[in-house]
């Protein structure tokens, strides 16, 4: 009887370890794939030109308006010099 219980426990642990490796392996692969996709999106969206110039993308509605028409004004901020 004791041998059957020990064998059952051993086989159960062995099966659980195999299942855990399978599922955790898939989770790790999926996380790595998502990280690579995120890095690719980040690199394509925020790449800077090599010559140092910056390109500003504007929608067609914004292109027709002058920048002074879009400016709503700002708030006055007190300036105090600190020694």
Protein backbone atom coordinates (compact mmCIF):
# COMPACT_ATOMS: atom_id res chain seq x y z
CA UNK A 1 0.00 0.00 0.00
CA UNK A 2 2.78 2.43 0.93
CA UNK A 3 4.58 1.63 -2.31
CA UNK A 4 1.45 2.46 -4.34
CA UNK A 5 1.06 5.85 -2.58
CA UNK A 6 4.73 6.72 -3.10
CA UNK A 7 4.51 5.72 -6.77
CA UNK A 8 1.31 7.73 -7.21
CA UNK A 9 2.93 10.82 -5.64
CA UNK A 10 6.08 10.41 -7.77
CA UNK A 11 4.09 10.06 -11.01
CA UNK A 12 1.83 12.97 -10.07
CA UNK A 13 4.78 15.28 -9.41
CA UNK A 14 6.43 14.15 -12.64
CA UNK A 15 3.27 14.91 -14.65
CA UNK A 16 2.79 18.30 -12.97
CA UNK A 17 6.41 19.28 -13.68
CA UNK A 18 6.00 18.37 -17.35
CA UNK A 19 2.76 20.30 -17.65
CA UNK A 20 4.26 23.33 -15.88
CA UNK A 21 7.26 23.34 -18.22
CA UNK A 22 4.98 23.15 -21.24
CA UNK A 23 2.65 25.97 -20.17
CA UNK A 24 5.35 28.23 -18.73
CA UNK A 25 7.48 27.69 -21.83
CA UNK A 26 4.60 28.85 -24.02
CA UNK A 27 4.00 31.88 -21.78
CA UNK A 28 7.66 32.87 -21.96
CA UNK A 29 7.72 32.51 -25.76
CA UNK A 30 4.56 34.60 -26.08
CA UNK A 31 5.98 37.32 -23.81
CA UNK A 32 9.21 37.41 -25.82
CA UNK A 33 7.25 37.70 -29.06
CA UNK A 34 5.18 40.59 -27.67
CA UNK A 35 8.34 42.33 -26.46
CA UNK A 36 9.93 42.02 -29.91
CA UNK A 37 6.79 43.42 -31.57
CA UNK A 38 6.75 46.31 -29.11
CA UNK A 39 10.42 47.07 -29.81
CA UNK A 40 9.81 47.01 -33.56
CA UNK A 41 6.84 49.39 -33.25
CA UNK A 42 8.84 51.69 -30.99
CA UNK A 43 11.78 51.74 -33.38
CA UNK A 44 9.65 52.48 -36.44
CA UNK A 45 7.48 55.14 -34.77
CA UNK A 46 10.21 57.09 -33.02
CA UNK A 47 13.22 56.76 -35.27
CA UNK A 48 15.15 60.00 -35.79
CA UNK A 49 16.77 60.91 -39.09
CA UNK A 50 20.54 60.56 -39.25
CA UNK A 51 21.06 64.14 -40.44
CA UNK A 52 19.52 65.54 -37.23
CA UNK A 53 16.45 67.11 -38.85
CA UNK A 54 13.05 66.49 -37.34
CA UNK A 55 9.96 65.81 -39.44
CA UNK A 56 6.58 66.96 -38.11
CA UNK A 57 3.53 65.10 -39.34
CA UNK A 58 0.37 67.16 -39.56
CA UNK A 59 -3.14 66.22 -40.58
CA UNK A 60 -4.53 67.85 -43.73
CA UNK A 61 -6.83 70.07 -41.64
CA UNK A 62 -3.90 71.43 -39.66
CA UNK A 63 -1.79 72.04 -42.75
CA UNK A 64 -4.29 74.56 -44.14
CA UNK A 65 -4.37 76.70 -40.98
CA UNK A 66 -1.65 79.04 -39.87
CA UNK A 67 0.07 78.24 -36.61
CA UNK A 68 -0.99 81.61 -35.14
CA UNK A 69 -4.64 80.68 -35.67
CA UNK A 70 -4.18 77.47 -33.68
CA UNK A 71 -2.49 79.17 -30.73
CA UNK A 72 -4.97 79.72 -27.92
CA UNK A 73 -2.61 81.58 -25.59
CA UNK A 74 -0.98 80.52 -22.38
CA UNK A 75 -1.06 81.15 -18.67
CA UNK A 76 1.20 83.67 -16.98
CA UNK A 77 3.67 82.03 -14.66
CA UNK A 78 5.43 84.11 -12.00
CA UNK A 79 9.17 83.89 -12.11
CA UNK A 80 11.22 84.23 -8.99
CA UNK A 81 14.97 83.94 -8.98
CA UNK A 82 16.32 81.71 -6.26
CA UNK A 83 19.84 82.25 -4.94
